[in-house]
Amino acid sequence: MNRLKELREDKDLYQKDIADYLKIDQSNYSKYELEKVNIPLEYLKKLAEFYNTSIDYILYLTDERKPYPKSIMKR
């Protein structure tokens, strides 16, 4: 199962709900879930934050659902 779909269904949301959150059409969001087009980085970031996970989890680079700890960048 697609990770985006899995995450969305775990929250009992519809594609339209996530599309509204991203401010895009539901048909465009559907293409992301079906892996017909690549998800722009800005949307990946928003989705990872929304689902409290990592971009790596969404992209199948890890099976660890827990997000990485936020780091404080030193200047």
PDB file of N, CA and C in Angstrom:
ATOM      1  N   MET A   1       0.849  -1.186   0.000  1.00  0.00           N
ATOM      2  CA  MET A   1       0.000   0.000   0.000  1.00  0.00           C
ATOM      3  C   MET A   1       0.891   1.245   0.000  1.00  0.00           C
ATOM      4  N   ASN A   2       0.451   2.234  -0.683  1.00  0.00           N
ATOM      5  CA  ASN A   2       1.168   3.505  -0.737  1.00  0.00           C
ATOM      6  C   ASN A   2       1.197   4.141   0.646  1.00  0.00           C
ATOM      7  N   ARG A   3       2.348   4.658   1.020  1.00  0.00           N
ATOM      8  CA  ARG A   3       2.481   5.252   2.365  1.00  0.00           C
ATOM      9  C   ARG A   3       1.559   6.455   2.553  1.00  0.00           C
ATOM     10  N   LEU A   4       1.425   7.293   1.531  1.00  0.00           N
ATOM     11  CA  LEU A   4       0.542   8.454   1.681  1.00  0.00           C
ATOM     12  C   LEU A   4      -0.890   8.011   1.947  1.00  0.00           C
ATOM     13  N   LYS A   5      -1.323   7.015   1.225  1.00  0.00           N
ATOM     14  CA  LYS A   5      -2.682   6.509   1.421  1.00  0.00           C
ATOM     15  C   LYS A   5      -2.820   5.903   2.813  1.00  0.00           C
ATOM     16  N   GLU A   6      -1.827   5.137   3.222  1.00  0.00           N
ATOM     17  CA  GLU A   6      -1.835   4.517   4.548  1.00  0.00           C
ATOM     18  C   GLU A   6      -1.928   5.576   5.646  1.00  0.00           C
ATOM     19  N   LEU A   7      -1.095   6.600   5.554  1.00  0.00           N
ATOM     20  CA  LEU A   7      -1.100   7.665   6.555  1.00  0.00           C
ATOM     21  C   LEU A   7      -2.450   8.392   6.579  1.00  0.00           C
ATOM     22  N   ARG A   8      -2.972   8.670   5.402  1.00  0.00           N
ATOM     23  CA  ARG A   8      -4.260   9.372   5.304  1.00  0.00           C
ATOM     24  C   ARG A   8      -5.383   8.532   5.901  1.00  0.00           C
ATOM     25  N   GLU A   9      -5.428   7.268   5.535  1.00  0.00           N
ATOM     26  CA  GLU A   9      -6.493   6.404   6.036  1.00  0.00           C
ATOM     27  C   GLU A   9      -6.386   6.155   7.534  1.00  0.00           C
ATOM     28  N   ASP A  10      -5.173   6.147   8.064  1.00  0.00           N
ATOM     29  CA  ASP A  10      -4.990   6.001   9.515  1.00  0.00           C
ATOM     30  C   ASP A  10      -5.654   7.145  10.279  1.00  0.00           C
ATOM     31  N   LYS A  11      -5.775   8.294   9.636  1.00  0.00           N
ATOM     32  CA  LYS A  11      -6.419   9.454  10.266  1.00  0.00           C
ATOM     33  C   LYS A  11      -7.875   9.603   9.824  1.00  0.00           C
ATOM     34  N   ASP A  12      -8.392   8.601   9.100  1.00  0.00           N
ATOM     35  CA  ASP A  12      -9.780   8.629   8.601  1.00  0.00           C
ATOM     36  C   ASP A  12     -10.070   9.885   7.784  1.00  0.00           C
ATOM     37  N   LEU A  13      -9.133  10.232   6.916  1.00  0.00           N
ATOM     38  CA  LEU A  13      -9.299  11.402   6.058  1.00  0.00           C
ATOM     39  C   LEU A  13      -9.498  10.976   4.610  1.00  0.00           C
ATOM     40  N   TYR A  14     -10.083  11.874   3.841  1.00  0.00           N
ATOM     41  CA  TYR A  14     -10.271  11.663   2.411  1.00  0.00           C
ATOM     42  C   TYR A  14      -9.178  12.395   1.645  1.00  0.00           C
ATOM     43  N   GLN A  15      -8.990  11.997   0.396  1.00  0.00           N
ATOM     44  CA  GLN A  15      -8.020  12.702  -0.444  1.00  0.00           C
ATOM     45  C   GLN A  15      -8.342  14.190  -0.501  1.00  0.00           C
ATOM     46  N   LYS A  16      -9.621  14.518  -0.545  1.00  0.00           N
ATOM     47  CA  LYS A  16     -10.051  15.926  -0.609  1.00  0.00           C
ATOM     48  C   LYS A  16      -9.567  16.697   0.618  1.00  0.00           C
ATOM     49  N   ASP A  17      -9.580  16.060   1.774  1.00  0.00           N
ATOM     50  CA  ASP A  17      -9.123  16.718   3.004  1.00  0.00           C
ATOM     51  C   ASP A  17      -7.648  17.105   2.896  1.00  0.00           C
ATOM     52  N   ILE A  18      -6.831  16.190   2.394  1.00  0.00           N
ATOM     53  CA  ILE A  18      -5.397  16.456   2.275  1.00  0.00           C
ATOM     54  C   ILE A  18      -5.140  17.455   1.159  1.00  0.00           C
ATOM     55  N   ALA A  19      -5.881  17.323   0.064  1.00  0.00           N
ATOM     56  CA  ALA A  19      -5.740  18.281  -1.034  1.00  0.00           C
ATOM     57  C   ALA A  19      -6.065  19.691  -0.549  1.00  0.00           C
ATOM     58  N   ASP A  20      -7.112  19.830   0.243  1.00  0.00           N
ATOM     59  CA  ASP A  20      -7.460  21.140   0.801  1.00  0.00           C
ATOM     60  C   ASP A  20      -6.342  21.662   1.695  1.00  0.00           C
ATOM     61  N   TYR A  21      -5.765  20.788   2.503  1.00  0.00           N
ATOM     62  CA  TYR A  21      -4.654  21.175   3.383  1.00  0.00           C
ATOM     63  C   TYR A  21      -3.469  21.697   2.565  1.00  0.00           C
ATOM     64  N   LEU A  22      -3.195  21.020   1.435  1.00  0.00           N
ATOM     65  CA  LEU A  22      -2.076  21.440   0.576  1.00  0.00           C
ATOM     66  C   LEU A  22      -2.450  22.564  -0.377  1.00  0.00           C
ATOM     67  N   LYS A  23      -3.758  22.885  -0.418  1.00  0.00           N
ATOM     68  CA  LYS A  23      -4.275  23.926  -1.317  1.00  0.00           C
ATOM     69  C   LYS A  23      -4.061  23.547  -2.786  1.00  0.00           C
ATOM     70  N   ILE A  24      -4.418  22.296  -3.093  1.00  0.00           N
ATOM     71  CA  ILE A  24      -4.341  21.790  -4.467  1.00  0.00           C
ATOM     72  C   ILE A  24      -5.639  21.047  -4.783  1.00  0.00           C
ATOM     73  N   ASP A  25      -5.830  20.709  -6.045  1.00  0.00           N
ATOM     74  CA  ASP A  25      -7.000  19.928  -6.456  1.00  0.00           C
ATOM     75  C   ASP A  25      -6.861  18.489  -5.974  1.00  0.00           C
ATOM     76  N   GLN A  26      -7.997  17.880  -5.676  1.00  0.00           N
ATOM     77  CA  GLN A  26      -8.009  16.485  -5.258  1.00  0.00           C
ATOM     78  C   GLN A  26      -7.426  15.596  -6.350  1.00  0.00           C
ATOM     79  N   SER A  27      -7.684  15.917  -7.598  1.00  0.00           N
ATOM     80  CA  SER A  27      -7.168  15.090  -8.698  1.00  0.00           C
ATOM     81  C   SER A  27      -5.636  15.111  -8.738  1.00  0.00           C
ATOM     82  N   ASN A  28      -5.037  16.247  -8.413  1.00  0.00           N
ATOM     83  CA  ASN A  28      -3.571  16.321  -8.349  1.00  0.00           C
ATOM     84  C   ASN A  28      -3.043  15.497  -7.182  1.00  0.00           C
ATOM     85  N   TYR A  29      -3.698  15.603  -6.045  1.00  0.00           N
ATOM     86  CA  TYR A  29      -3.259  14.820  -4.893  1.00  0.00           C
ATOM     87  C   TYR A  29      -3.369  13.324  -5.180  1.00  0.00           C
ATOM     88  N   SER A  30      -4.433  12.933  -5.850  1.00  0.00           N
ATOM     89  CA  SER A  30      -4.631  11.529  -6.198  1.00  0.00           C
ATOM     90  C   SER A  30      -3.448  10.998  -7.004  1.00  0.00           C
ATOM     91  N   LYS A  31      -2.901  11.801  -7.879  1.00  0.00           N
ATOM     92  CA  LYS A  31      -1.744  11.398  -8.689  1.00  0.00           C
ATOM     93  C   LYS A  31      -0.523  11.133  -7.808  1.00  0.00           C
ATOM     94  N   TYR A  32      -0.399  11.862  -6.711  1.00  0.00           N
ATOM     95  CA  TYR A  32       0.709  11.613  -5.782  1.00  0.00           C
ATOM     96  C   TYR A  32       0.527  10.258  -5.102  1.00  0.00           C
ATOM     97  N   GLU A  33      -0.698   9.979  -4.648  1.00  0.00           N
ATOM     98  CA  GLU A  33      -0.946   8.701  -3.991  1.00  0.00           C
ATOM     99  C   GLU A  33      -0.765   7.531  -4.953  1.00  0.00           C
ATOM    100  N   LEU A  34      -1.136   7.721  -6.190  1.00  0.00           N
ATOM    101  CA  LEU A  34      -1.013   6.659  -7.190  1.00  0.00           C
ATOM    102  C   LEU A  34       0.389   6.580  -7.786  1.00  0.00           C
ATOM    103  N   GLU A  35       1.255   7.490  -7.319  1.00  0.00           N
ATOM    104  CA  GLU A  35       2.651   7.560  -7.772  1.00  0.00           C
ATOM    105  C   GLU A  35       2.763   7.775  -9.279  1.00  0.00           C
ATOM    106  N   LYS A  36       1.819   8.544  -9.816  1.00  0.00           N
ATOM    107  CA  LYS A  36       1.854   8.889 -11.238  1.00  0.00           C
ATOM    108  C   LYS A  36       2.756  10.088 -11.494  1.00  0.00           C
ATOM    109  N   VAL A  37       2.886  10.946 -10.489  1.00  0.00           N
ATOM    110  CA  VAL A  37       3.783  12.104 -10.573  1.00  0.00           C
ATOM    111  C   VAL A  37       4.538  12.226  -9.254  1.00  0.00           C
ATOM    112  N   ASN A  38       5.695  12.844  -9.303  1.00  0.00           N
ATOM    113  CA  ASN A  38       6.488  13.063  -8.089  1.00  0.00           C
ATOM    114  C   ASN A  38       5.896  14.199  -7.263  1.00  0.00           C
ATOM    115  N   ILE A  39       5.996  14.037  -5.978  1.00  0.00           N
ATOM    116  CA  ILE A  39       5.475  15.048  -5.060  1.00  0.00           C
ATOM    117  C   ILE A  39       6.515  16.152  -4.898  1.00  0.00           C
ATOM    118  N   PRO A  40       6.125  17.405  -5.075  1.00  0.00           N
ATOM    119  CA  PRO A  40       7.079  18.492  -4.843  1.00  0.00           C
ATOM    120  C   PRO A  40       7.578  18.485  -3.388  1.00  0.00           C
ATOM    121  N   LEU A  41       8.814  18.879  -3.211  1.00  0.00           N
ATOM    122  CA  LEU A  41       9.431  18.878  -1.889  1.00  0.00           C
ATOM    123  C   LEU A  41       8.626  19.681  -0.875  1.00  0.00           C
ATOM    124  N   GLU A  42       8.075  20.808  -1.284  1.00  0.00           N
ATOM    125  CA  GLU A  42       7.304  21.625  -0.335  1.00  0.00           C
ATOM    126  C   GLU A  42       6.100  20.855   0.209  1.00  0.00           C
ATOM    127  N   TYR A  43       5.473  20.008  -0.619  1.00  0.00           N
ATOM    128  CA  TYR A  43       4.350  19.203  -0.164  1.00  0.00           C
ATOM    129  C   TYR A  43       4.818  18.039   0.698  1.00  0.00           C
ATOM    130  N   LEU A  44       5.936  17.445   0.346  1.00  0.00           N
ATOM    131  CA  LEU A  44       6.490  16.368   1.175  1.00  0.00           C
ATOM    132  C   LEU A  44       6.758  16.870   2.588  1.00  0.00           C
ATOM    133  N   LYS A  45       7.329  18.059   2.660  1.00  0.00           N
ATOM    134  CA  LYS A  45       7.627  18.651   3.971  1.00  0.00           C
ATOM    135  C   LYS A  45       6.352  18.871   4.780  1.00  0.00           C
ATOM    136  N   LYS A  46       5.346  19.451   4.132  1.00  0.00           N
ATOM    137  CA  LYS A  46       4.082  19.712   4.813  1.00  0.00           C
ATOM    138  C   LYS A  46       3.405  18.414   5.257  1.00  0.00           C
ATOM    139  N   LEU A  47       3.459  17.403   4.405  1.00  0.00           N
ATOM    140  CA  LEU A  47       2.830  16.135   4.749  1.00  0.00           C
ATOM    141  C   LEU A  47       3.556  15.433   5.887  1.00  0.00           C
ATOM    142  N   ALA A  48       4.863  15.473   5.877  1.00  0.00           N
ATOM    143  CA  ALA A  48       5.634  14.867   6.967  1.00  0.00           C
ATOM    144  C   ALA A  48       5.302  15.551   8.290  1.00  0.00           C
ATOM    145  N   GLU A  49       5.190  16.853   8.277  1.00  0.00           N
ATOM    146  CA  GLU A  49       4.832  17.581   9.496  1.00  0.00           C
ATOM    147  C   GLU A  49       3.402  17.263   9.912  1.00  0.00           C
ATOM    148  N   PHE A  50       2.498  17.239   8.950  1.00  0.00           N
ATOM    149  CA  PHE A  50       1.087  16.957   9.234  1.00  0.00           C
ATOM    150  C   PHE A  50       0.915  15.575   9.863  1.00  0.00           C
ATOM    151  N   TYR A  51       1.598  14.588   9.311  1.00  0.00           N
ATOM    152  CA  TYR A  51       1.478  13.209   9.795  1.00  0.00           C
ATOM    153  C   TYR A  51       2.466  12.877  10.912  1.00  0.00           C
ATOM    154  N   ASN A  52       3.277  13.844  11.304  1.00  0.00           N
ATOM    155  CA  ASN A  52       4.260  13.649  12.367  1.00  0.00           C
ATOM    156  C   ASN A  52       5.171  12.464  12.052  1.00  0.00           C
ATOM    157  N   THR A  53       5.744  12.499  10.857  1.00  0.00           N
ATOM    158  CA  THR A  53       6.661  11.467  10.415  1.00  0.00           C
ATOM    159  C   THR A  53       7.791  12.130   9.634  1.00  0.00           C
ATOM    160  N   SER A  54       8.600  11.341   8.969  1.00  0.00           N
ATOM    161  CA  SER A  54       9.697  11.902   8.187  1.00  0.00           C
ATOM    162  C   SER A  54       9.421  11.745   6.691  1.00  0.00           C
ATOM    163  N   ILE A  55      10.060  12.571   5.917  1.00  0.00           N
ATOM    164  CA  ILE A  55       9.984  12.438   4.463  1.00  0.00           C
ATOM    165  C   ILE A  55      10.537  11.074   4.066  1.00  0.00           C
ATOM    166  N   ASP A  56      11.570  10.631   4.743  1.00  0.00           N
ATOM    167  CA  ASP A  56      12.151   9.319   4.455  1.00  0.00           C
ATOM    168  C   ASP A  56      11.119   8.203   4.607  1.00  0.00           C
ATOM    169  N   TYR A  57      10.263   8.302   5.608  1.00  0.00           N
ATOM    170  CA  TYR A  57       9.224   7.293   5.793  1.00  0.00           C
ATOM    171  C   TYR A  57       8.238   7.327   4.628  1.00  0.00           C
ATOM    172  N   ILE A  58       7.818   8.511   4.241  1.00  0.00           N
ATOM    173  CA  ILE A  58       6.878   8.651   3.123  1.00  0.00           C
ATOM    174  C   ILE A  58       7.466   8.072   1.847  1.00  0.00           C
ATOM    175  N   LEU A  59       8.773   8.247   1.655  1.00  0.00           N
ATOM    176  CA  LEU A  59       9.442   7.797   0.430  1.00  0.00           C
ATOM    177  C   LEU A  59      10.016   6.382   0.533  1.00  0.00           C
ATOM    178  N   TYR A  60       9.667   5.646   1.571  1.00  0.00           N
ATOM    179  CA  TYR A  60      10.122   4.259   1.763  1.00  0.00           C
ATOM    180  C   TYR A  60      11.631   4.139   1.961  1.00  0.00           C
ATOM    181  N   LEU A  61      12.278   5.171   2.453  1.00  0.00           N
ATOM    182  CA  LEU A  61      13.710   5.094   2.730  1.00  0.00           C
ATOM    183  C   LEU A  61      13.972   4.548   4.130  1.00  0.00           C
ATOM    184  N   THR A  62      12.925   4.492   4.930  1.00  0.00           N
ATOM    185  CA  THR A  62      12.993   3.910   6.261  1.00  0.00           C
ATOM    186  C   THR A  62      11.625   3.338   6.606  1.00  0.00           C
ATOM    187  N   ASP A  63      11.608   2.380   7.508  1.00  0.00           N
ATOM    188  CA  ASP A  63      10.341   1.860   8.010  1.00  0.00           C
ATOM    189  C   ASP A  63      10.015   2.452   9.377  1.00  0.00           C
ATOM    190  N   GLU A  64      10.885   3.333   9.851  1.00  0.00           N
ATOM    191  CA  GLU A  64      10.687   4.007  11.140  1.00  0.00           C
ATOM    192  C   GLU A  64       9.702   5.159  10.935  1.00  0.00           C
ATOM    193  N   ARG A  65       8.518   5.019  11.510  1.00  0.00           N
ATOM    194  CA  ARG A  65       7.472   6.032  11.315  1.00  0.00           C
ATOM    195  C   ARG A  65       7.710   7.293  12.139  1.00  0.00           C
ATOM    196  N   LYS A  66       8.387   7.134  13.245  1.00  0.00           N
ATOM    197  CA  LYS A  66       8.656   8.259  14.149  1.00  0.00           C
ATOM    198  C   LYS A  66       9.546   9.287  13.440  1.00  0.00           C
ATOM    199  N   PRO A  67       9.221  10.577  13.564  1.00  0.00           N
ATOM    200  CA  PRO A  67      10.057  11.584  12.896  1.00  0.00           C
ATOM    201  C   PRO A  67      11.426  11.712  13.554  1.00  0.00           C
ATOM    202  N   TYR A  68      12.347  12.237  12.799  1.00  0.00           N
ATOM    203  CA  TYR A  68      13.677  12.503  13.351  1.00  0.00           C
ATOM    204  C   TYR A  68      13.574  13.647  14.350  1.00  0.00           C
ATOM    205  N   PRO A  69      14.445  13.657  15.361  1.00  0.00           N
ATOM    206  CA  PRO A  69      14.424  14.785  16.293  1.00  0.00           C
ATOM    207  C   PRO A  69      14.856  16.071  15.586  1.00  0.00           C
ATOM    208  N   LYS A  70      14.230  17.141  15.945  1.00  0.00           N
ATOM    209  CA  LYS A  70      14.607  18.436  15.364  1.00  0.00           C
ATOM    210  C   LYS A  70      15.949  18.852  15.939  1.00  0.00           C
ATOM    211  N   SER A  71      16.779  19.390  15.080  1.00  0.00           N
ATOM    212  CA  SER A  71      18.095  19.836  15.548  1.00  0.00           C
ATOM    213  C   SER A  71      18.130  21.349  15.570  1.00  0.00           C
ATOM    214  N   ILE A  72      18.941  21.865  16.446  1.00  0.00           N
ATOM    215  CA  ILE A  72      19.143  23.301  16.531  1.00  0.00           C
ATOM    216  C   ILE A  72      20.379  23.639  15.736  1.00  0.00           C
ATOM    217  N   MET A  73      20.184  24.448  14.721  1.00  0.00           N
ATOM    218  CA  MET A  73      21.323  24.808  13.873  1.00  0.00           C
ATOM    219  C   MET A  73      22.131  25.904  14.551  1.00  0.00           C
ATOM    220  N   LYS A  74      23.422  25.723  14.592  1.00  0.00           N
ATOM    221  CA  LYS A  74      24.309  26.730  15.176  1.00  0.00           C
ATOM    222  C   LYS A  74      24.729  27.687  14.089  1.00  0.00           C
ATOM    223  N   ARG A  75      24.781  28.940  14.429  1.00  0.00           N
ATOM    224  CA  ARG A  75      25.196  29.964  13.452  1.00  0.00           C
ATOM    225  C   ARG A  75      26.565  30.435  13.749  1.00  0.00           C
TER     226      ARG A  75
END
